[in-house]
Amino acid sequence: MTRTALFPWTGRGTALCGVLLLLTLQGIAVGVAPGRLRLFLSGVLIGASGAGLLLALLLARSGRRTGRPAPAAALGQDDTQWFSARSLEGFPMEQVRPLLLSPGAPGLNRLYTAWVFATHGHDPQWIAHHLDLPTPTARLLVTTARHHTAPERRPQ
């Protein structure tokens, strides 16, 4: 039986539960502390919480900067990108059309992905295995990709 959660447990949810638990423990510590230590303990806990919040914000901000994708203008300028505006040039649509019209056919997006892998040098067996395509179709894509990219690779 597959069990699904109404509310999936994410990193933010875990962080929120941790913060709420920490605040509860701090409130209990201040409530249990002797009267003469409460003011000092409250100041220490507020300072530690502020420093932790500042550190968490800095880490989240730096994580967002490093995980940010490249701008769209830069993607079109770099020919080494796998998925660029020119990545589907030479796709053999007429040869794969009968496969697309057959029952139980793979989706066009899967064939496009196989084409991109083929233009980057993957062999037919690898493509057929990882994209669940028939081996003759993967072989067709690889041979067409080799013929399509062969003139570009020759030194002039």
N, C-alpha and C. Protein backbone atom coordinates (compact mmCIF):
# COMPACT_ATOMS: atom_id res chain seq x y z
N MET A 1 0.84 -1.17 0.00
CA MET A 1 0.00 0.00 0.00
C MET A 1 0.89 1.24 0.00
N THR A 2 0.60 2.15 -0.89
CA THR A 2 1.36 3.38 -0.97
C THR A 2 0.76 4.40 -0.03
N ARG A 3 1.62 4.98 0.76
CA ARG A 3 1.15 5.97 1.73
C ARG A 3 1.57 7.35 1.25
N THR A 4 0.63 8.25 1.17
CA THR A 4 0.94 9.61 0.77
C THR A 4 0.65 10.54 1.93
N ALA A 5 1.43 11.56 2.04
CA ALA A 5 1.25 12.53 3.10
C ALA A 5 0.42 13.69 2.60
N LEU A 6 -0.44 14.19 3.47
CA LEU A 6 -1.20 15.37 3.10
C LEU A 6 -0.29 16.58 2.93
N PHE A 7 0.64 16.70 3.83
CA PHE A 7 1.59 17.81 3.79
C PHE A 7 2.99 17.23 3.70
N PRO A 8 3.63 17.31 2.55
CA PRO A 8 4.96 16.72 2.42
C PRO A 8 5.97 17.40 3.33
N TRP A 9 6.91 16.63 3.84
CA TRP A 9 7.92 17.10 4.77
C TRP A 9 9.07 17.69 3.97
N THR A 10 9.22 19.00 4.01
CA THR A 10 10.26 19.67 3.24
C THR A 10 11.34 20.20 4.17
N GLY A 11 12.38 20.75 3.58
CA GLY A 11 13.45 21.35 4.37
C GLY A 11 12.96 22.55 5.16
N ARG A 12 12.07 23.31 4.57
CA ARG A 12 11.52 24.47 5.29
C ARG A 12 10.68 24.03 6.49
N GLY A 13 9.91 22.97 6.30
CA GLY A 13 9.10 22.46 7.40
C GLY A 13 9.97 21.95 8.54
N THR A 14 11.06 21.29 8.20
CA THR A 14 11.98 20.81 9.22
C THR A 14 12.61 21.97 9.96
N ALA A 15 13.03 23.00 9.23
CA ALA A 15 13.62 24.18 9.85
C ALA A 15 12.62 24.88 10.75
N LEU A 16 11.37 24.99 10.32
CA LEU A 16 10.34 25.63 11.13
C LEU A 16 10.10 24.86 12.41
N CYS A 17 10.03 23.53 12.33
CA CYS A 17 9.84 22.71 13.54
C CYS A 17 11.03 22.85 14.49
N GLY A 18 12.22 22.92 13.93
CA GLY A 18 13.41 23.11 14.77
C GLY A 18 13.39 24.45 15.48
N VAL A 19 12.99 25.50 14.78
CA VAL A 19 12.93 26.83 15.40
C VAL A 19 11.87 26.86 16.48
N LEU A 20 10.70 26.27 16.21
CA LEU A 20 9.64 26.25 17.22
C LEU A 20 10.05 25.45 18.45
N LEU A 21 10.74 24.34 18.23
CA LEU A 21 11.24 23.55 19.37
C LEU A 21 12.26 24.34 20.17
N LEU A 22 13.15 25.03 19.48
CA LEU A 22 14.16 25.84 20.17
C LEU A 22 13.51 26.97 20.97
N LEU A 23 12.51 27.63 20.41
CA LEU A 23 11.81 28.69 21.13
C LEU A 23 11.09 28.14 22.36
N THR A 24 10.50 26.96 22.24
CA THR A 24 9.83 26.34 23.37
C THR A 24 10.83 26.02 24.48
N LEU A 25 11.97 25.45 24.09
CA LEU A 25 13.00 25.14 25.09
C LEU A 25 13.54 26.39 25.75
N GLN A 26 13.69 27.47 24.99
CA GLN A 26 14.16 28.73 25.57
C GLN A 26 13.14 29.28 26.57
N GLY A 27 11.86 29.21 26.21
CA GLY A 27 10.81 29.67 27.13
C GLY A 27 10.79 28.86 28.41
N ILE A 28 10.96 27.55 28.29
CA ILE A 28 11.00 26.69 29.48
C ILE A 28 12.22 27.02 30.32
N ALA A 29 13.38 27.25 29.66
CA ALA A 29 14.60 27.55 30.41
C ALA A 29 14.45 28.86 31.17
N VAL A 30 13.85 29.87 30.56
CA VAL A 30 13.66 31.14 31.25
C VAL A 30 12.65 30.99 32.38
N GLY A 31 11.60 30.19 32.16
CA GLY A 31 10.58 30.00 33.19
C GLY A 31 11.08 29.22 34.39
N VAL A 32 11.99 28.29 34.18
CA VAL A 32 12.49 27.44 35.26
C VAL A 32 13.66 28.11 36.00
N ALA A 33 14.34 29.03 35.35
CA ALA A 33 15.52 29.66 35.95
C ALA A 33 15.14 30.46 37.20
N PRO A 34 16.07 30.55 38.16
CA PRO A 34 15.81 31.37 39.35
C PRO A 34 15.60 32.84 38.95
N GLY A 35 14.90 33.58 39.76
CA GLY A 35 14.53 34.95 39.46
C GLY A 35 15.70 35.86 39.14
N ARG A 36 16.83 35.72 39.85
CA ARG A 36 17.96 36.62 39.62
C ARG A 36 18.70 36.32 38.31
N LEU A 37 18.51 35.11 37.73
CA LEU A 37 19.18 34.74 36.49
C LEU A 37 18.32 34.94 35.24
N ARG A 38 17.03 35.20 35.44
CA ARG A 38 16.12 35.27 34.29
C ARG A 38 16.49 36.38 33.32
N LEU A 39 16.82 37.57 33.82
CA LEU A 39 17.16 38.68 32.94
C LEU A 39 18.43 38.38 32.14
N PHE A 40 19.45 37.83 32.82
CA PHE A 40 20.70 37.48 32.15
C PHE A 40 20.47 36.39 31.11
N LEU A 41 19.74 35.35 31.49
CA LEU A 41 19.46 34.24 30.57
C LEU A 41 18.64 34.70 29.37
N SER A 42 17.68 35.57 29.60
CA SER A 42 16.88 36.10 28.49
C SER A 42 17.76 36.86 27.50
N GLY A 43 18.68 37.68 28.00
CA GLY A 43 19.59 38.43 27.12
C GLY A 43 20.49 37.50 26.31
N VAL A 44 21.02 36.48 26.96
CA VAL A 44 21.89 35.52 26.26
C VAL A 44 21.11 34.78 25.18
N LEU A 45 19.91 34.34 25.50
CA LEU A 45 19.11 33.60 24.52
C LEU A 45 18.67 34.49 23.36
N ILE A 46 18.31 35.73 23.63
CA ILE A 46 17.94 36.64 22.54
C ILE A 46 19.15 36.91 21.65
N GLY A 47 20.32 37.11 22.23
CA GLY A 47 21.54 37.33 21.44
C GLY A 47 21.90 36.11 20.59
N ALA A 48 21.80 34.93 21.18
CA ALA A 48 22.11 33.71 20.44
C ALA A 48 21.10 33.48 19.32
N SER A 49 19.82 33.74 19.59
CA SER A 49 18.79 33.57 18.56
C SER A 49 19.00 34.57 17.42
N GLY A 50 19.34 35.80 17.74
CA GLY A 50 19.60 36.80 16.71
C GLY A 50 20.80 36.43 15.85
N ALA A 51 21.87 35.94 16.48
CA ALA A 51 23.06 35.52 15.73
C ALA A 51 22.74 34.32 14.84
N GLY A 52 21.97 33.37 15.36
CA GLY A 52 21.58 32.21 14.56
C GLY A 52 20.70 32.59 13.38
N LEU A 53 19.78 33.54 13.60
CA LEU A 53 18.93 34.01 12.52
C LEU A 53 19.74 34.72 11.45
N LEU A 54 20.69 35.55 11.87
CA LEU A 54 21.55 36.26 10.91
C LEU A 54 22.39 35.27 10.10
N LEU A 55 22.93 34.26 10.76
CA LEU A 55 23.72 33.24 10.06
C LEU A 55 22.86 32.46 9.08
N ALA A 56 21.65 32.10 9.48
CA ALA A 56 20.75 31.36 8.58
C ALA A 56 20.39 32.20 7.36
N LEU A 57 20.13 33.49 7.56
CA LEU A 57 19.82 34.37 6.43
C LEU A 57 21.00 34.50 5.48
N LEU A 58 22.20 34.64 6.02
CA LEU A 58 23.39 34.74 5.17
C LEU A 58 23.61 33.46 4.38
N LEU A 59 23.43 32.31 5.02
CA LEU A 59 23.60 31.03 4.31
C LEU A 59 22.55 30.84 3.23
N ALA A 60 21.31 31.21 3.53
CA ALA A 60 20.25 31.07 2.53
C ALA A 60 20.49 32.00 1.35
N ARG A 61 20.96 33.20 1.62
CA ARG A 61 21.20 34.16 0.54
C ARG A 61 22.38 33.71 -0.33
N SER A 62 23.45 33.20 0.28
CA SER A 62 24.59 32.74 -0.52
C SER A 62 24.24 31.47 -1.28
N GLY A 63 23.38 30.61 -0.72
CA GLY A 63 22.94 29.41 -1.41
C GLY A 63 22.10 29.74 -2.63
N ARG A 64 21.29 30.80 -2.53
CA ARG A 64 20.49 31.21 -3.68
C ARG A 64 21.37 31.78 -4.77
N ARG A 65 22.42 32.46 -4.43
CA ARG A 65 23.32 33.03 -5.44
C ARG A 65 24.04 31.95 -6.21
N THR A 66 24.55 30.93 -5.53
CA THR A 66 25.31 29.89 -6.22
C THR A 66 24.40 28.96 -7.00
N GLY A 67 23.15 28.79 -6.59
CA GLY A 67 22.24 27.89 -7.28
C GLY A 67 21.47 28.56 -8.41
N ARG A 68 21.70 29.83 -8.65
CA ARG A 68 20.96 30.56 -9.67
C ARG A 68 21.42 30.14 -11.06
N PRO A 69 20.49 29.82 -11.96
CA PRO A 69 20.90 29.44 -13.32
C PRO A 69 21.43 30.63 -14.10
N ALA A 70 22.15 30.33 -15.17
CA ALA A 70 22.71 31.38 -16.00
C ALA A 70 21.60 32.11 -16.73
N PRO A 71 21.79 33.38 -17.04
CA PRO A 71 20.77 34.12 -17.77
C PRO A 71 20.52 33.51 -19.14
N ALA A 72 19.33 33.71 -19.67
CA ALA A 72 18.96 33.10 -20.95
C ALA A 72 19.82 33.62 -22.09
N ALA A 73 20.27 34.87 -22.03
CA ALA A 73 21.11 35.42 -23.10
C ALA A 73 22.45 34.70 -23.16
N ALA A 74 22.98 34.31 -22.00
CA ALA A 74 24.27 33.63 -21.98
C ALA A 74 24.15 32.20 -22.52
N LEU A 75 22.98 31.57 -22.36
CA LEU A 75 22.82 30.20 -22.84
C LEU A 75 22.90 30.13 -24.35
N GLY A 76 22.37 31.09 -25.04
CA GLY A 76 22.39 31.07 -26.49
C GLY A 76 23.78 31.32 -27.06
N GLN A 77 24.66 31.96 -26.31
CA GLN A 77 25.99 32.27 -26.80
C GLN A 77 26.95 31.11 -26.64
N ASP A 78 26.66 30.18 -25.76
CA ASP A 78 27.58 29.09 -25.46
C ASP A 78 27.17 27.86 -26.25
N ASP A 79 28.00 27.45 -27.21
CA ASP A 79 27.66 26.28 -28.04
C ASP A 79 27.91 24.97 -27.32
N THR A 80 28.53 24.98 -26.13
CA THR A 80 28.77 23.75 -25.41
C THR A 80 27.58 23.35 -24.55
N GLN A 81 26.55 24.18 -24.47
CA GLN A 81 25.36 23.85 -23.71
C GLN A 81 24.62 22.70 -24.37
N TRP A 82 24.07 21.80 -23.60
CA TRP A 82 23.36 20.66 -24.15
C TRP A 82 22.05 21.06 -24.79
N PHE A 83 21.31 21.91 -24.13
CA PHE A 83 20.01 22.32 -24.64
C PHE A 83 20.08 23.79 -25.03
N SER A 84 20.33 24.02 -26.30
CA SER A 84 20.38 25.38 -26.81
C SER A 84 19.34 25.51 -27.92
N ALA A 85 19.30 26.69 -28.50
CA ALA A 85 18.32 26.91 -29.57
C ALA A 85 18.62 26.04 -30.79
N ARG A 86 19.87 25.67 -30.98
CA ARG A 86 20.26 24.88 -32.15
C ARG A 86 20.35 23.39 -31.87
N SER A 87 19.97 22.94 -30.70
CA SER A 87 20.19 21.53 -30.34
C SER A 87 19.32 20.55 -31.13
N LEU A 88 18.21 20.99 -31.72
CA LEU A 88 17.35 20.08 -32.47
C LEU A 88 17.55 20.17 -33.97
N GLU A 89 18.57 20.91 -34.42
CA GLU A 89 18.85 20.99 -35.85
C GLU A 89 19.24 19.61 -36.37
N GLY A 90 18.65 19.20 -37.47
CA GLY A 90 18.97 17.93 -38.08
C GLY A 90 18.18 16.75 -37.52
N PHE A 91 17.23 16.99 -36.63
CA PHE A 91 16.45 15.90 -36.06
C PHE A 91 15.68 15.19 -37.17
N PRO A 92 15.78 13.86 -37.27
CA PRO A 92 15.16 13.11 -38.38
C PRO A 92 13.67 12.86 -38.15
N MET A 93 12.87 13.89 -38.26
CA MET A 93 11.44 13.77 -37.98
C MET A 93 10.75 12.81 -38.95
N GLU A 94 11.12 12.84 -40.23
CA GLU A 94 10.45 11.96 -41.20
C GLU A 94 10.74 10.49 -40.91
N GLN A 95 11.94 10.17 -40.42
CA GLN A 95 12.27 8.77 -40.14
C GLN A 95 11.59 8.28 -38.85
N VAL A 96 11.38 9.14 -37.86
CA VAL A 96 10.78 8.70 -36.61
C VAL A 96 9.26 8.88 -36.58
N ARG A 97 8.70 9.52 -37.60
CA ARG A 97 7.24 9.74 -37.64
C ARG A 97 6.46 8.43 -37.56
N PRO A 98 6.85 7.34 -38.29
CA PRO A 98 6.10 6.08 -38.14
C PRO A 98 6.12 5.55 -36.71
N LEU A 99 7.24 5.75 -36.02
CA LEU A 99 7.30 5.30 -34.63
C LEU A 99 6.34 6.10 -33.76
N LEU A 100 6.25 7.40 -34.01
CA LEU A 100 5.37 8.26 -33.21
C LEU A 100 3.89 7.91 -33.43
N LEU A 101 3.56 7.41 -34.61
CA LEU A 101 2.17 7.09 -34.92
C LEU A 101 1.78 5.68 -34.51
N SER A 102 2.72 4.87 -34.07
CA SER A 102 2.41 3.50 -33.67
C SER A 102 1.82 3.48 -32.26
N PRO A 103 1.07 2.41 -31.92
CA PRO A 103 0.51 2.32 -30.57
C PRO A 103 1.63 2.11 -29.54
N GLY A 104 1.48 2.74 -28.40
CA GLY A 104 2.49 2.63 -27.34
C GLY A 104 3.77 3.36 -27.68
N ALA A 105 3.68 4.37 -28.51
CA ALA A 105 4.87 5.09 -28.98
C ALA A 105 5.44 5.96 -27.87
N PRO A 106 6.77 6.16 -27.87
CA PRO A 106 7.36 7.09 -26.91
C PRO A 106 6.97 8.51 -27.27
N GLY A 107 7.04 9.39 -26.30
CA GLY A 107 6.69 10.78 -26.54
C GLY A 107 7.75 11.49 -27.37
N LEU A 108 7.33 12.56 -28.00
CA LEU A 108 8.24 13.34 -28.83
C LEU A 108 9.36 13.96 -27.99
N ASN A 109 9.04 14.35 -26.76
CA ASN A 109 10.07 14.93 -25.90
C ASN A 109 11.16 13.91 -25.57
N ARG A 110 10.77 12.65 -25.41
CA ARG A 110 11.77 11.61 -25.14
C ARG A 110 12.68 11.42 -26.35
N LEU A 111 12.10 11.51 -27.56
CA LEU A 111 12.91 11.40 -28.77
C LEU A 111 13.84 12.60 -28.92
N TYR A 112 13.35 13.78 -28.57
CA TYR A 112 14.21 14.97 -28.60
C TYR A 112 15.37 14.82 -27.62
N THR A 113 15.08 14.30 -26.43
CA THR A 113 16.15 14.08 -25.45
C THR A 113 17.16 13.06 -25.97
N ALA A 114 16.66 12.00 -26.60
CA ALA A 114 17.56 11.01 -27.17
C ALA A 114 18.41 11.63 -28.27
N TRP A 115 17.85 12.54 -29.04
CA TRP A 115 18.60 13.22 -30.09
C TRP A 115 19.75 14.06 -29.49
N VAL A 116 19.44 14.76 -28.43
CA VAL A 116 20.48 15.57 -27.79
C VAL A 116 21.59 14.67 -27.25
N PHE A 117 21.22 13.55 -26.63
CA PHE A 117 22.24 12.61 -26.16
C PHE A 117 23.04 12.06 -27.33
N ALA A 118 22.38 11.78 -28.43
CA ALA A 118 23.08 11.23 -29.61
C ALA A 118 24.04 12.25 -30.18
N THR A 119 23.65 13.52 -30.23
CA THR A 119 24.56 14.54 -30.76
C THR A 119 25.74 14.80 -29.84
N HIS A 120 25.64 14.36 -28.60
CA HIS A 120 26.76 14.52 -27.66
C HIS A 120 27.57 13.24 -27.50
N GLY A 121 27.35 12.27 -28.39
CA GLY A 121 28.24 11.12 -28.45
C GLY A 121 27.83 9.88 -27.69
N HIS A 122 26.63 9.82 -27.15
CA HIS A 122 26.21 8.61 -26.45
C HIS A 122 25.88 7.52 -27.47
N ASP A 123 26.14 6.27 -27.10
CA ASP A 123 25.92 5.16 -28.01
C ASP A 123 24.45 4.72 -27.96
N PRO A 124 24.00 3.98 -28.99
CA PRO A 124 22.58 3.59 -29.06
C PRO A 124 22.12 2.72 -27.89
N GLN A 125 22.98 1.83 -27.41
CA GLN A 125 22.58 0.96 -26.31
C GLN A 125 22.31 1.77 -25.04
N TRP A 126 23.15 2.75 -24.77
CA TRP A 126 22.98 3.59 -23.59
C TRP A 126 21.67 4.38 -23.70
N ILE A 127 21.43 4.97 -24.86
CA ILE A 127 20.21 5.76 -25.05
C ILE A 127 18.97 4.88 -24.94
N ALA A 128 19.01 3.71 -25.57
CA ALA A 128 17.86 2.80 -25.52
C ALA A 128 17.58 2.35 -24.09
N HIS A 129 18.62 2.09 -23.33
CA HIS A 129 18.45 1.62 -21.96
C HIS A 129 17.91 2.72 -21.05
N HIS A 130 18.52 3.91 -21.10
CA HIS A 130 18.16 4.98 -20.16
C HIS A 130 16.88 5.72 -20.53
N LEU A 131 16.50 5.72 -21.79
CA LEU A 131 15.30 6.44 -22.20
C LEU A 131 14.17 5.50 -22.59
N ASP A 132 14.39 4.20 -22.42
CA ASP A 132 13.38 3.19 -22.70
C ASP A 132 12.85 3.33 -24.13
N LEU A 133 13.79 3.35 -25.08
CA LEU A 133 13.46 3.43 -26.50
C LEU A 133 13.83 2.13 -27.18
N PRO A 134 13.19 1.82 -28.30
CA PRO A 134 13.63 0.65 -29.07
C PRO A 134 15.06 0.88 -29.59
N THR A 135 15.85 -0.17 -29.59
CA THR A 135 17.24 -0.05 -30.02
C THR A 135 17.37 0.43 -31.46
N PRO A 136 16.54 -0.02 -32.41
CA PRO A 136 16.67 0.51 -33.78
C PRO A 136 16.42 2.02 -33.86
N THR A 137 15.51 2.52 -33.07
CA THR A 137 15.26 3.96 -33.07
C THR A 137 16.46 4.70 -32.52
N ALA A 138 17.03 4.22 -31.43
CA ALA A 138 18.22 4.85 -30.86
C ALA A 138 19.37 4.79 -31.86
N ARG A 139 19.51 3.66 -32.55
CA ARG A 139 20.57 3.52 -33.55
C ARG A 139 20.37 4.52 -34.69
N LEU A 140 19.13 4.69 -35.13
CA LEU A 140 18.81 5.66 -36.18
C LEU A 140 19.19 7.07 -35.75
N LEU A 141 18.85 7.43 -34.53
CA LEU A 141 19.17 8.76 -34.04
C LEU A 141 20.68 8.98 -33.94
N VAL A 142 21.40 7.96 -33.48
CA VAL A 142 22.86 8.10 -33.34
C VAL A 142 23.54 8.21 -34.70
N THR A 143 23.15 7.38 -35.66
CA THR A 143 23.80 7.46 -36.97
C THR A 143 23.47 8.78 -37.66
N THR A 144 22.22 9.24 -37.54
CA THR A 144 21.86 10.53 -38.13
C THR A 144 22.61 11.66 -37.45
N ALA A 145 22.77 11.58 -36.15
CA ALA A 145 23.49 12.62 -35.42
C ALA A 145 24.96 12.64 -35.83
N ARG A 146 25.54 11.46 -36.04
CA ARG A 146 26.95 11.42 -36.47
C ARG A 146 27.12 12.03 -37.85
N HIS A 147 26.19 11.74 -38.75
CA HIS A 147 26.27 12.33 -40.09
C HIS A 147 26.00 13.83 -40.06
N HIS A 148 25.13 14.24 -39.16
CA HIS A 148 24.77 15.66 -39.06
C HIS A 148 25.92 16.49 -38.48
N THR A 149 26.62 15.96 -37.48
CA THR A 149 27.67 16.72 -36.82
C THR A 149 29.05 16.47 -37.42
N ALA A 150 29.20 15.50 -38.31
CA ALA A 150 30.51 15.17 -38.87
C ALA A 150 31.16 16.34 -39.61
N PRO A 151 30.47 17.09 -40.48
CA PRO A 151 31.14 18.20 -41.18
C PRO A 151 31.62 19.29 -40.23
N GLU A 152 30.93 19.48 -39.09
CA GLU A 152 31.34 20.53 -38.16
C GLU A 152 32.63 20.17 -37.43
N ARG A 153 32.90 18.87 -37.27
CA ARG A 153 34.06 18.45 -36.49
C ARG A 153 35.35 18.40 -37.31
N ARG A 154 35.23 18.42 -38.63
CA ARG A 154 36.44 18.33 -39.45
C ARG A 154 37.22 19.63 -39.38
N PRO A 155 38.55 19.55 -39.21
CA PRO A 155 39.35 20.78 -39.23
C PRO A 155 39.42 21.35 -40.62
N GLN A 156 39.43 22.67 -40.73
CA GLN A 156 39.44 23.31 -42.04
C GLN A 156 40.72 24.04 -42.29
